[in-house]
C-alpha cells in the first residue's frame, strides 16, 4: 500500500511541502495558447495533491505552458461507472518529469452511455405524459 508522503521526501530537492498521494494512472494533456492547441500528448501520473500534479511525459514540456489535462481516476461510482479528472493547469517545472498546478478541477463520468435510462412514472397506455 502506498502512503502519502511530503513531496520533498519523494523527490530530492523538491520545494513543495504539501502532502502528495502516489498515483499510477495514465493521462492526456493538451498545451494551449488561448483557444488553440499547440501540442498534445500522453503521460503517466507520479503523484497528486489538492493543488498540484507530477507526471512523466515522452516529450519535455516548457515551464509556463498552459495545460488542459484529462486523467483516469482510480475510484468508481457506486454503480461501477469510471471517473476522469479534468482540469486546467500551468507547468511550474518541466522536463520529462512535469510539475503542474491544478486549476478548476472537475470529475466527469468516463462513459456517458453507461448512464441509467430515465423511466416514466406514468403507466404506458394512459395517453398522458409524465408532465400532464
Foldseek 3Di string as FASTA:
>chain_A
DFDWDQPCVVDPPDPGGDTKGADWWKKKKFFDDVPDTPDIFMWTWGIGDPWKTKIFGPFKDDFFTKMWMKIWDPDAPPVRFTKIKIFIWGFHDMDRITMITGHPIDIDTPDPVPDDDDDAPDDPPPPDGSVD
